[in-house]
Amino acid sequence: MVLWLSLEILHDTHLKYLCSNVVKQMEFDLDP
């Protein structure tokens, strides 16, 4: 249960990290 919870948290932060990277990349691409 604790392991599952920590995995969920890890997964969540990993997704947030990926999303922020994608947003940064998009902003970078949009920059002239």
N, C-alpha and C. Protein backbone atom coordinates (compact mmCIF):
# COMPACT_ATOMS: atom_id res chain seq x y z
N MET A 1 0.84 -1.20 0.00
CA MET A 1 0.00 0.00 0.00
C MET A 1 0.88 1.25 0.00
N VAL A 2 1.85 1.30 0.89
CA VAL A 2 2.75 2.46 0.96
C VAL A 2 3.57 2.55 -0.33
N LEU A 3 4.00 1.39 -0.81
CA LEU A 3 4.78 1.35 -2.04
C LEU A 3 3.93 1.87 -3.22
N TRP A 4 2.70 1.40 -3.28
CA TRP A 4 1.78 1.84 -4.33
C TRP A 4 1.58 3.35 -4.28
N LEU A 5 1.43 3.88 -3.06
CA LEU A 5 1.22 5.31 -2.88
C LEU A 5 2.43 6.10 -3.36
N SER A 6 3.61 5.64 -2.99
CA SER A 6 4.83 6.33 -3.42
C SER A 6 5.01 6.24 -4.94
N LEU A 7 4.60 5.11 -5.50
CA LEU A 7 4.66 4.97 -6.96
C LEU A 7 3.71 5.95 -7.63
N GLU A 8 2.55 6.12 -7.05
CA GLU A 8 1.58 7.08 -7.58
C GLU A 8 2.15 8.49 -7.54
N ILE A 9 2.78 8.84 -6.44
CA ILE A 9 3.37 10.17 -6.28
C ILE A 9 4.50 10.35 -7.29
N LEU A 10 5.34 9.34 -7.41
CA LEU A 10 6.43 9.37 -8.38
C LEU A 10 5.89 9.57 -9.79
N HIS A 11 4.88 8.81 -10.12
CA HIS A 11 4.27 8.88 -11.44
C HIS A 11 3.70 10.27 -11.69
N ASP A 12 3.05 10.81 -10.68
CA ASP A 12 2.42 12.13 -10.79
C ASP A 12 3.47 13.22 -11.02
N THR A 13 4.54 13.18 -10.24
CA THR A 13 5.58 14.20 -10.40
C THR A 13 6.28 14.04 -11.73
N HIS A 14 6.44 12.80 -12.17
CA HIS A 14 7.07 12.54 -13.46
C HIS A 14 6.22 13.12 -14.59
N LEU A 15 4.91 12.95 -14.49
CA LEU A 15 4.00 13.50 -15.49
C LEU A 15 4.06 15.02 -15.51
N LYS A 16 4.10 15.61 -14.31
CA LYS A 16 4.17 17.07 -14.22
C LYS A 16 5.47 17.57 -14.84
N TYR A 17 6.55 16.82 -14.58
CA TYR A 17 7.85 17.17 -15.14
C TYR A 17 7.81 17.10 -16.67
N LEU A 18 7.22 16.04 -17.18
CA LEU A 18 7.11 15.89 -18.64
C LEU A 18 6.25 17.00 -19.24
N CYS A 19 5.14 17.30 -18.59
CA CYS A 19 4.24 18.34 -19.09
C CYS A 19 4.92 19.69 -19.11
N SER A 20 5.66 20.02 -18.07
CA SER A 20 6.35 21.30 -18.02
C SER A 20 7.43 21.37 -19.09
N ASN A 21 8.08 20.25 -19.35
CA ASN A 21 9.10 20.21 -20.42
C ASN A 21 8.46 20.43 -21.78
N VAL A 22 7.31 19.82 -22.00
CA VAL A 22 6.60 19.98 -23.27
C VAL A 22 6.17 21.43 -23.45
N VAL A 23 5.66 22.04 -22.38
CA VAL A 23 5.22 23.43 -22.44
C VAL A 23 6.41 24.34 -22.73
N LYS A 24 7.53 24.09 -22.06
CA LYS A 24 8.74 24.88 -22.30
C LYS A 24 9.19 24.74 -23.75
N GLN A 25 9.15 23.52 -24.26
CA GLN A 25 9.55 23.26 -25.64
C GLN A 25 8.63 23.98 -26.61
N MET A 26 7.34 23.96 -26.33
CA MET A 26 6.37 24.64 -27.19
C MET A 26 6.61 26.15 -27.17
N GLU A 27 6.84 26.70 -26.00
CA GLU A 27 7.11 28.13 -25.89
C GLU A 27 8.39 28.49 -26.63
N PHE A 28 9.36 27.63 -26.51
CA PHE A 28 10.64 27.84 -27.21
C PHE A 28 10.44 27.82 -28.72
N ASP A 29 9.63 26.87 -29.19
CA ASP A 29 9.35 26.75 -30.63
C ASP A 29 8.54 27.95 -31.14
N LEU A 30 7.68 28.48 -30.28
CA LEU A 30 6.85 29.61 -30.69
C LEU A 30 7.65 30.91 -30.72
N ASP A 31 8.74 30.93 -29.97
CA ASP A 31 9.57 32.13 -29.94
C ASP A 31 10.22 32.36 -31.31
N PRO A 32 10.09 33.55 -31.87
CA PRO A 32 10.69 33.83 -33.17
C PRO A 32 12.21 34.00 -33.10
